[in-house]
Amino acid sequence: VDVIDGVSVREETDEATGISSRVIIDWRSATKSADIKPSVQIVGDNGEPVKLPNGSDAVYLLSVGAILSVGDGDTIAAGDTIARVTTGG
């Protein structure tokens, strides 16, 4: 949800490996994108949002710098990495 090319995400290619990744960028500086909240929503086979034990939808907010491991419509299973955040150092 709200993962928009050029606004909240960009494609980056590692020069050493040649591998490209989709990275969440700072969307808050763009005036028209103040209400954007990049996130991943988990949906079931029926297209309906998966519910967590507390009854809320399975939605995970993405922070600036998060590297997406999945794309829209990808099939995932329990334990799959959805996104990762690098640490400095």
PDB file of N, CA and C in Angstrom:
ATOM      1  N   VAL A   1       0.852  -1.170   0.000  1.00  0.00           N
ATOM      2  CA  VAL A   1       0.000   0.000   0.000  1.00  0.00           C
ATOM      3  C   VAL A   1       0.901   1.237   0.000  1.00  0.00           C
ATOM      4  N   ASP A   2       0.598   2.199  -0.840  1.00  0.00           N
ATOM      5  CA  ASP A   2       1.355   3.454  -0.935  1.00  0.00           C
ATOM      6  C   ASP A   2       2.824   3.250  -1.283  1.00  0.00           C
ATOM      7  N   VAL A   3       3.156   2.166  -1.976  1.00  0.00           N
ATOM      8  CA  VAL A   3       4.520   1.970  -2.479  1.00  0.00           C
ATOM      9  C   VAL A   3       4.489   2.445  -3.932  1.00  0.00           C
ATOM     10  N   ILE A   4       4.891   3.710  -4.133  1.00  0.00           N
ATOM     11  CA  ILE A   4       4.735   4.389  -5.416  1.00  0.00           C
ATOM     12  C   ILE A   4       6.105   4.711  -5.997  1.00  0.00           C
ATOM     13  N   ASP A   5       6.374   4.215  -7.205  1.00  0.00           N
ATOM     14  CA  ASP A   5       7.664   4.468  -7.854  1.00  0.00           C
ATOM     15  C   ASP A   5       7.943   5.964  -7.946  1.00  0.00           C
ATOM     16  N   GLY A   6       9.138   6.352  -7.520  1.00  0.00           N
ATOM     17  CA  GLY A   6       9.569   7.737  -7.600  1.00  0.00           C
ATOM     18  C   GLY A   6       9.056   8.622  -6.490  1.00  0.00           C
ATOM     19  N   VAL A   7       8.080   8.155  -5.721  1.00  0.00           N
ATOM     20  CA  VAL A   7       7.533   8.936  -4.610  1.00  0.00           C
ATOM     21  C   VAL A   7       7.950   8.325  -3.286  1.00  0.00           C
ATOM     22  N   SER A   8       7.667   7.034  -3.108  1.00  0.00           N
ATOM     23  CA  SER A   8       8.017   6.374  -1.852  1.00  0.00           C
ATOM     24  C   SER A   8       8.970   5.194  -2.045  1.00  0.00           C
ATOM     25  N   VAL A   9       9.283   4.860  -3.280  1.00  0.00           N
ATOM     26  CA  VAL A   9      10.211   3.753  -3.543  1.00  0.00           C
ATOM     27  C   VAL A   9      11.011   4.048  -4.812  1.00  0.00           C
ATOM     28  N   ARG A  10      12.241   3.562  -4.827  1.00  0.00           N
ATOM     29  CA  ARG A  10      13.057   3.683  -6.043  1.00  0.00           C
ATOM     30  C   ARG A  10      13.851   2.397  -6.232  1.00  0.00           C
ATOM     31  N   GLU A  11      14.191   2.146  -7.470  1.00  0.00           N
ATOM     32  CA  GLU A  11      14.996   0.980  -7.829  1.00  0.00           C
ATOM     33  C   GLU A  11      16.464   1.374  -7.709  1.00  0.00           C
ATOM     34  N   GLU A  12      17.242   0.597  -6.968  1.00  0.00           N
ATOM     35  CA  GLU A  12      18.676   0.843  -6.824  1.00  0.00           C
ATOM     36  C   GLU A  12      19.427  -0.404  -7.259  1.00  0.00           C
ATOM     37  N   THR A  13      20.541  -0.193  -7.962  1.00  0.00           N
ATOM     38  CA  THR A  13      21.366  -1.310  -8.411  1.00  0.00           C
ATOM     39  C   THR A  13      22.713  -1.258  -7.711  1.00  0.00           C
ATOM     40  N   ASP A  14      23.089  -2.364  -7.094  1.00  0.00           N
ATOM     41  CA  ASP A  14      24.395  -2.476  -6.444  1.00  0.00           C
ATOM     42  C   ASP A  14      25.450  -2.594  -7.536  1.00  0.00           C
ATOM     43  N   GLU A  15      26.362  -1.624  -7.592  1.00  0.00           N
ATOM     44  CA  GLU A  15      27.376  -1.615  -8.648  1.00  0.00           C
ATOM     45  C   GLU A  15      28.300  -2.826  -8.580  1.00  0.00           C
ATOM     46  N   ALA A  16      28.560  -3.323  -7.388  1.00  0.00           N
ATOM     47  CA  ALA A  16      29.474  -4.458  -7.229  1.00  0.00           C
ATOM     48  C   ALA A  16      28.847  -5.770  -7.693  1.00  0.00           C
ATOM     49  N   THR A  17      27.549  -5.958  -7.385  1.00  0.00           N
ATOM     50  CA  THR A  17      26.909  -7.234  -7.699  1.00  0.00           C
ATOM     51  C   THR A  17      26.000  -7.172  -8.918  1.00  0.00           C
ATOM     52  N   GLY A  18      25.539  -5.969  -9.256  1.00  0.00           N
ATOM     53  CA  GLY A  18      24.599  -5.826 -10.359  1.00  0.00           C
ATOM     54  C   GLY A  18      23.174  -6.176  -9.980  1.00  0.00           C
ATOM     55  N   ILE A  19      22.944  -6.471  -8.706  1.00  0.00           N
ATOM     56  CA  ILE A  19      21.608  -6.840  -8.231  1.00  0.00           C
ATOM     57  C   ILE A  19      20.811  -5.572  -7.948  1.00  0.00           C
ATOM     58  N   SER A  20      19.573  -5.527  -8.442  1.00  0.00           N
ATOM     59  CA  SER A  20      18.733  -4.360  -8.184  1.00  0.00           C
ATOM     60  C   SER A  20      17.759  -4.655  -7.050  1.00  0.00           C
ATOM     61  N   SER A  21      17.421  -3.611  -6.313  1.00  0.00           N
ATOM     62  CA  SER A  21      16.517  -3.718  -5.171  1.00  0.00           C
ATOM     63  C   SER A  21      15.562  -2.541  -5.187  1.00  0.00           C
ATOM     64  N   ARG A  22      14.392  -2.734  -4.594  1.00  0.00           N
ATOM     65  CA  ARG A  22      13.436  -1.639  -4.412  1.00  0.00           C
ATOM     66  C   ARG A  22      13.588  -1.151  -2.977  1.00  0.00           C
ATOM     67  N   VAL A  23      13.911   0.152  -2.834  1.00  0.00           N
ATOM     68  CA  VAL A  23      14.213   0.739  -1.535  1.00  0.00           C
ATOM     69  C   VAL A  23      13.202   1.841  -1.229  1.00  0.00           C
ATOM     70  N   ILE A  24      12.671   1.830  -0.007  1.00  0.00           N
ATOM     71  CA  ILE A  24      11.748   2.879   0.423  1.00  0.00           C
ATOM     72  C   ILE A  24      12.543   4.167   0.617  1.00  0.00           C
ATOM     73  N   ILE A  25      12.048   5.262   0.011  1.00  0.00           N
ATOM     74  CA  ILE A  25      12.707   6.564   0.122  1.00  0.00           C
ATOM     75  C   ILE A  25      11.837   7.504   0.946  1.00  0.00           C
ATOM     76  N   ASP A  26      12.413   8.637   1.354  1.00  0.00           N
ATOM     77  CA  ASP A  26      11.688   9.595   2.199  1.00  0.00           C
ATOM     78  C   ASP A  26      10.633  10.316   1.372  1.00  0.00           C
ATOM     79  N   TRP A  27       9.390   9.955   1.561  1.00  0.00           N
ATOM     80  CA  TRP A  27       8.263  10.503   0.830  1.00  0.00           C
ATOM     81  C   TRP A  27       7.717  11.759   1.498  1.00  0.00           C
ATOM     82  N   ARG A  28       8.084  12.012   2.743  1.00  0.00           N
ATOM     83  CA  ARG A  28       7.464  13.084   3.523  1.00  0.00           C
ATOM     84  C   ARG A  28       7.807  14.477   3.026  1.00  0.00           C
ATOM     85  N   SER A  29       8.905  14.637   2.281  1.00  0.00           N
ATOM     86  CA  SER A  29       9.301  15.963   1.816  1.00  0.00           C
ATOM     87  C   SER A  29       8.453  16.443   0.638  1.00  0.00           C
ATOM     88  N   ALA A  30       7.809  15.540  -0.072  1.00  0.00           N
ATOM     89  CA  ALA A  30       6.944  15.926  -1.189  1.00  0.00           C
ATOM     90  C   ALA A  30       5.600  16.400  -0.640  1.00  0.00           C
ATOM     91  N   THR A  31       5.182  17.598  -1.041  1.00  0.00           N
ATOM     92  CA  THR A  31       3.973  18.199  -0.471  1.00  0.00           C
ATOM     93  C   THR A  31       2.716  17.374  -0.729  1.00  0.00           C
ATOM     94  N   LYS A  32       2.611  16.750  -1.886  1.00  0.00           N
ATOM     95  CA  LYS A  32       1.401  15.997  -2.220  1.00  0.00           C
ATOM     96  C   LYS A  32       1.378  14.601  -1.618  1.00  0.00           C
ATOM     97  N   SER A  33       2.466  14.203  -0.974  1.00  0.00           N
ATOM     98  CA  SER A  33       2.528  12.831  -0.471  1.00  0.00           C
ATOM     99  C   SER A  33       2.578  12.759   1.050  1.00  0.00           C
ATOM    100  N   ALA A  34       2.084  13.792   1.716  1.00  0.00           N
ATOM    101  CA  ALA A  34       2.141  13.833   3.178  1.00  0.00           C
ATOM    102  C   ALA A  34       1.325  12.712   3.822  1.00  0.00           C
ATOM    103  N   ASP A  35       0.260  12.279   3.169  1.00  0.00           N
ATOM    104  CA  ASP A  35      -0.610  11.249   3.748  1.00  0.00           C
ATOM    105  C   ASP A  35      -0.201   9.832   3.366  1.00  0.00           C
ATOM    106  N   ILE A  36       0.888   9.693   2.629  1.00  0.00           N
ATOM    107  CA  ILE A  36       1.347   8.371   2.197  1.00  0.00           C
ATOM    108  C   ILE A  36       1.985   7.623   3.367  1.00  0.00           C
ATOM    109  N   LYS A  37       1.650   6.343   3.462  1.00  0.00           N
ATOM    110  CA  LYS A  37       2.243   5.473   4.484  1.00  0.00           C
ATOM    111  C   LYS A  37       2.640   4.172   3.800  1.00  0.00           C
ATOM    112  N   PRO A  38       3.882   4.102   3.274  1.00  0.00           N
ATOM    113  CA  PRO A  38       4.298   2.871   2.603  1.00  0.00           C
ATOM    114  C   PRO A  38       4.172   1.671   3.542  1.00  0.00           C
ATOM    115  N   SER A  39       3.518   0.639   3.061  1.00  0.00           N
ATOM    116  CA  SER A  39       3.295  -0.533   3.902  1.00  0.00           C
ATOM    117  C   SER A  39       3.071  -1.757   3.027  1.00  0.00           C
ATOM    118  N   VAL A  40       3.117  -2.904   3.664  1.00  0.00           N
ATOM    119  CA  VAL A  40       2.811  -4.176   3.014  1.00  0.00           C
ATOM    120  C   VAL A  40       1.578  -4.729   3.712  1.00  0.00           C
ATOM    121  N   GLN A  41       0.564  -5.084   2.921  1.00  0.00           N
ATOM    122  CA  GLN A  41      -0.642  -5.686   3.471  1.00  0.00           C
ATOM    123  C   GLN A  41      -0.702  -7.134   3.011  1.00  0.00           C
ATOM    124  N   ILE A  42      -0.925  -8.035   3.953  1.00  0.00           N
ATOM    125  CA  ILE A  42      -1.008  -9.462   3.641  1.00  0.00           C
ATOM    126  C   ILE A  42      -2.467  -9.807   3.347  1.00  0.00           C
ATOM    127  N   VAL A  43      -2.698 -10.413   2.182  1.00  0.00           N
ATOM    128  CA  VAL A  43      -4.052 -10.832   1.815  1.00  0.00           C
ATOM    129  C   VAL A  43      -4.058 -12.335   1.572  1.00  0.00           C
ATOM    130  N   GLY A  44      -5.202 -12.939   1.800  1.00  0.00           N
ATOM    131  CA  GLY A  44      -5.352 -14.377   1.609  1.00  0.00           C
ATOM    132  C   GLY A  44      -5.640 -14.724   0.159  1.00  0.00           C
ATOM    133  N   ASP A  45      -5.832 -16.009  -0.110  1.00  0.00           N
ATOM    134  CA  ASP A  45      -6.134 -16.484  -1.460  1.00  0.00           C
ATOM    135  C   ASP A  45      -7.411 -15.859  -2.015  1.00  0.00           C
ATOM    136  N   ASN A  46      -8.326 -15.471  -1.122  1.00  0.00           N
ATOM    137  CA  ASN A  46      -9.587 -14.874  -1.546  1.00  0.00           C
ATOM    138  C   ASN A  46      -9.470 -13.372  -1.811  1.00  0.00           C
ATOM    139  N   GLY A  47      -8.282 -12.808  -1.607  1.00  0.00           N
ATOM    140  CA  GLY A  47      -8.074 -11.377  -1.834  1.00  0.00           C
ATOM    141  C   GLY A  47      -8.442 -10.501  -0.657  1.00  0.00           C
ATOM    142  N   GLU A  48      -8.953 -11.099   0.399  1.00  0.00           N
ATOM    143  CA  GLU A  48      -9.321 -10.345   1.601  1.00  0.00           C
ATOM    144  C   GLU A  48      -8.119 -10.228   2.528  1.00  0.00           C
ATOM    145  N   PRO A  49      -8.009  -9.107   3.274  1.00  0.00           N
ATOM    146  CA  PRO A  49      -6.887  -8.946   4.213  1.00  0.00           C
ATOM    147  C   PRO A  49      -6.865 -10.059   5.255  1.00  0.00           C
ATOM    148  N   VAL A  50      -5.670 -10.561   5.543  1.00  0.00           N
ATOM    149  CA  VAL A  50      -5.482 -11.551   6.601  1.00  0.00           C
ATOM    150  C   VAL A  50      -5.626 -10.830   7.934  1.00  0.00           C
ATOM    151  N   LYS A  51      -6.302 -11.462   8.886  1.00  0.00           N
ATOM    152  CA  LYS A  51      -6.508 -10.876  10.214  1.00  0.00           C
ATOM    153  C   LYS A  51      -5.485 -11.419  11.202  1.00  0.00           C
ATOM    154  N   LEU A  52      -4.983 -10.534  12.037  1.00  0.00           N
ATOM    155  CA  LEU A  52      -4.091 -10.918  13.131  1.00  0.00           C
ATOM    156  C   LEU A  52      -4.933 -11.422  14.295  1.00  0.00           C
ATOM    157  N   PRO A  53      -4.323 -12.095  15.283  1.00  0.00           N
ATOM    158  CA  PRO A  53      -5.088 -12.597  16.430  1.00  0.00           C
ATOM    159  C   PRO A  53      -5.884 -11.506  17.159  1.00  0.00           C
ATOM    160  N   ASN A  54      -5.413 -10.249  17.102  1.00  0.00           N
ATOM    161  CA  ASN A  54      -6.135  -9.167  17.785  1.00  0.00           C
ATOM    162  C   ASN A  54      -7.277  -8.610  16.941  1.00  0.00           C
ATOM    163  N   GLY A  55      -7.487  -9.160  15.727  1.00  0.00           N
ATOM    164  CA  GLY A  55      -8.592  -8.744  14.878  1.00  0.00           C
ATOM    165  C   GLY A  55      -8.243  -7.684  13.845  1.00  0.00           C
ATOM    166  N   SER A  56      -7.066  -7.092  13.934  1.00  0.00           N
ATOM    167  CA  SER A  56      -6.685  -6.062  12.959  1.00  0.00           C
ATOM    168  C   SER A  56      -6.094  -6.711  11.706  1.00  0.00           C
ATOM    169  N   ASP A  57      -6.090  -5.944  10.613  1.00  0.00           N
ATOM    170  CA  ASP A  57      -5.511  -6.439   9.362  1.00  0.00           C
ATOM    171  C   ASP A  57      -4.002  -6.595   9.506  1.00  0.00           C
ATOM    172  N   ALA A  58      -3.430  -7.552   8.783  1.00  0.00           N
ATOM    173  CA  ALA A  58      -1.978  -7.773   8.780  1.00  0.00           C
ATOM    174  C   ALA A  58      -1.344  -6.756   7.828  1.00  0.00           C
ATOM    175  N   VAL A  59      -1.003  -5.588   8.369  1.00  0.00           N
ATOM    176  CA  VAL A  59      -0.387  -4.500   7.614  1.00  0.00           C
ATOM    177  C   VAL A  59       0.895  -4.117   8.334  1.00  0.00           C
ATOM    178  N   TYR A  60       1.971  -4.000   7.581  1.00  0.00           N
ATOM    179  CA  TYR A  60       3.277  -3.696   8.164  1.00  0.00           C
ATOM    180  C   TYR A  60       3.831  -2.437   7.520  1.00  0.00           C
ATOM    181  N   LEU A  61       4.025  -1.382   8.329  1.00  0.00           N
ATOM    182  CA  LEU A  61       4.566  -0.121   7.832  1.00  0.00           C
ATOM    183  C   LEU A  61       6.037  -0.288   7.487  1.00  0.00           C
ATOM    184  N   LEU A  62       6.471   0.386   6.430  1.00  0.00           N
ATOM    185  CA  LEU A  62       7.854   0.310   5.964  1.00  0.00           C
ATOM    186  C   LEU A  62       8.568   1.617   6.274  1.00  0.00           C
ATOM    187  N   SER A  63       9.740   1.529   6.865  1.00  0.00           N
ATOM    188  CA  SER A  63      10.510   2.729   7.196  1.00  0.00           C
ATOM    189  C   SER A  63      11.408   3.120   6.028  1.00  0.00           C
ATOM    190  N   VAL A  64      11.846   4.374   6.041  1.00  0.00           N
ATOM    191  CA  VAL A  64      12.773   4.856   5.022  1.00  0.00           C
ATOM    192  C   VAL A  64      14.027   3.985   5.059  1.00  0.00           C
ATOM    193  N   GLY A  65      14.470   3.531   3.907  1.00  0.00           N
ATOM    194  CA  GLY A  65      15.652   2.681   3.810  1.00  0.00           C
ATOM    195  C   GLY A  65      15.343   1.199   3.776  1.00  0.00           C
ATOM    196  N   ALA A  66      14.089   0.822   4.046  1.00  0.00           N
ATOM    197  CA  ALA A  66      13.721  -0.595   3.993  1.00  0.00           C
ATOM    198  C   ALA A  66      13.885  -1.111   2.569  1.00  0.00           C
ATOM    199  N   ILE A  67      14.428  -2.305   2.435  1.00  0.00           N
ATOM    200  CA  ILE A  67      14.650  -2.930   1.130  1.00  0.00           C
ATOM    201  C   ILE A  67      13.595  -4.016   0.955  1.00  0.00           C
ATOM    202  N   LEU A  68      12.730  -3.842  -0.031  1.00  0.00           N
ATOM    203  CA  LEU A  68      11.640  -4.787  -0.253  1.00  0.00           C
ATOM    204  C   LEU A  68      12.150  -6.101  -0.819  1.00  0.00           C
ATOM    205  N   SER A  69      11.653  -7.188  -0.269  1.00  0.00           N
ATOM    206  CA  SER A  69      12.007  -8.520  -0.757  1.00  0.00           C
ATOM    207  C   SER A  69      10.873  -9.127  -1.565  1.00  0.00           C
ATOM    208  N   VAL A  70       9.714  -8.475  -1.569  1.00  0.00           N
ATOM    209  CA  VAL A  70       8.542  -8.973  -2.288  1.00  0.00           C
ATOM    210  C   VAL A  70       7.965  -7.856  -3.149  1.00  0.00           C
ATOM    211  N   GLY A  71       7.167  -8.245  -4.112  1.00  0.00           N
ATOM    212  CA  GLY A  71       6.480  -7.293  -4.972  1.00  0.00           C
ATOM    213  C   GLY A  71       4.981  -7.488  -4.877  1.00  0.00           C
ATOM    214  N   ASP A  72       4.241  -6.576  -5.472  1.00  0.00           N
ATOM    215  CA  ASP A  72       2.787  -6.636  -5.458  1.00  0.00           C
ATOM    216  C   ASP A  72       2.317  -7.949  -6.079  1.00  0.00           C
ATOM    217  N   GLY A  73       1.486  -8.678  -5.351  1.00  0.00           N
ATOM    218  CA  GLY A  73       0.939  -9.926  -5.857  1.00  0.00           C
ATOM    219  C   GLY A  73       1.783 -11.158  -5.616  1.00  0.00           C
ATOM    220  N   ASP A  74       2.982 -10.989  -5.050  1.00  0.00           N
ATOM    221  CA  ASP A  74       3.830 -12.151  -4.762  1.00  0.00           C
ATOM    222  C   ASP A  74       3.172 -13.052  -3.720  1.00  0.00           C
ATOM    223  N   THR A  75       3.389 -14.346  -3.847  1.00  0.00           N
ATOM    224  CA  THR A  75       2.915 -15.311  -2.864  1.00  0.00           C
ATOM    225  C   THR A  75       3.987 -15.483  -1.799  1.00  0.00           C
ATOM    226  N   ILE A  76       3.565 -15.407  -0.539  1.00  0.00           N
ATOM    227  CA  ILE A  76       4.502 -15.585   0.570  1.00  0.00           C
ATOM    228  C   ILE A  76       3.977 -16.658   1.512  1.00  0.00           C
ATOM    229  N   ALA A  77       4.858 -17.133   2.376  1.00  0.00           N
ATOM    230  CA  ALA A  77       4.492 -18.129   3.380  1.00  0.00           C
ATOM    231  C   ALA A  77       5.029 -17.671   4.727  1.00  0.00           C
ATOM    232  N   ALA A  78       4.541 -18.289   5.783  1.00  0.00           N
ATOM    233  CA  ALA A  78       5.010 -17.961   7.127  1.00  0.00           C
ATOM    234  C   ALA A  78       6.525 -18.077   7.177  1.00  0.00           C
ATOM    235  N   GLY A  79       7.176 -17.054   7.713  1.00  0.00           N
ATOM    236  CA  GLY A  79       8.625 -17.055   7.847  1.00  0.00           C
ATOM    237  C   GLY A  79       9.362 -16.380   6.703  1.00  0.00           C
ATOM    238  N   ASP A  80       8.659 -16.049   5.603  1.00  0.00           N
ATOM    239  CA  ASP A  80       9.306 -15.363   4.483  1.00  0.00           C
ATOM    240  C   ASP A  80       9.678 -13.934   4.876  1.00  0.00           C
ATOM    241  N   THR A  81      10.792 -13.444   4.332  1.00  0.00           N
ATOM    242  CA  THR A  81      11.206 -12.064   4.556  1.00  0.00           C
ATOM    243  C   THR A  81      10.431 -11.174   3.597  1.00  0.00           C
ATOM    244  N   ILE A  82       9.768 -10.160   4.143  1.00  0.00           N
ATOM    245  CA  ILE A  82       8.991  -9.219   3.343  1.00  0.00           C
ATOM    246  C   ILE A  82       9.859  -8.024   2.969  1.00  0.00           C
ATOM    247  N   ALA A  83      10.615  -7.532   3.937  1.00  0.00           N
ATOM    248  CA  ALA A  83      11.533  -6.407   3.731  1.00  0.00           C
ATOM    249  C   ALA A  83      12.614  -6.507   4.790  1.00  0.00           C
ATOM    250  N   ARG A  84      13.738  -5.853   4.505  1.00  0.00           N
ATOM    251  CA  ARG A  84      14.809  -5.844   5.498  1.00  0.00           C
ATOM    252  C   ARG A  84      15.322  -4.417   5.638  1.00  0.00           C
ATOM    253  N   VAL A  85      15.872  -4.140   6.799  1.00  0.00           N
ATOM    254  CA  VAL A  85      16.429  -2.825   7.079  1.00  0.00           C
ATOM    255  C   VAL A  85      17.904  -3.013   7.374  1.00  0.00           C
ATOM    256  N   THR A  86      18.746  -2.269   6.664  1.00  0.00           N
ATOM    257  CA  THR A  86      20.181  -2.370   6.910  1.00  0.00           C
ATOM    258  C   THR A  86      20.545  -1.539   8.130  1.00  0.00           C
ATOM    259  N   THR A  87      21.578  -1.957   8.817  1.00  0.00           N
ATOM    260  CA  THR A  87      22.063  -1.202   9.967  1.00  0.00           C
ATOM    261  C   THR A  87      23.400  -0.594   9.611  1.00  0.00           C
ATOM    262  N   GLY A  88      23.656   0.586  10.132  1.00  0.00           N
ATOM    263  CA  GLY A  88      24.921   1.258   9.847  1.00  0.00           C
ATOM    264  C   GLY A  88      26.083   0.540  10.505  1.00  0.00           C
ATOM    265  N   GLY A  89      27.247   0.710   9.908  1.00  0.00           N
ATOM    266  CA  GLY A  89      28.421   0.143  10.548  1.00  0.00           C
ATOM    267  C   GLY A  89      28.992  -0.907   9.741  1.00  0.00           C
TER     268      GLY A  89
END
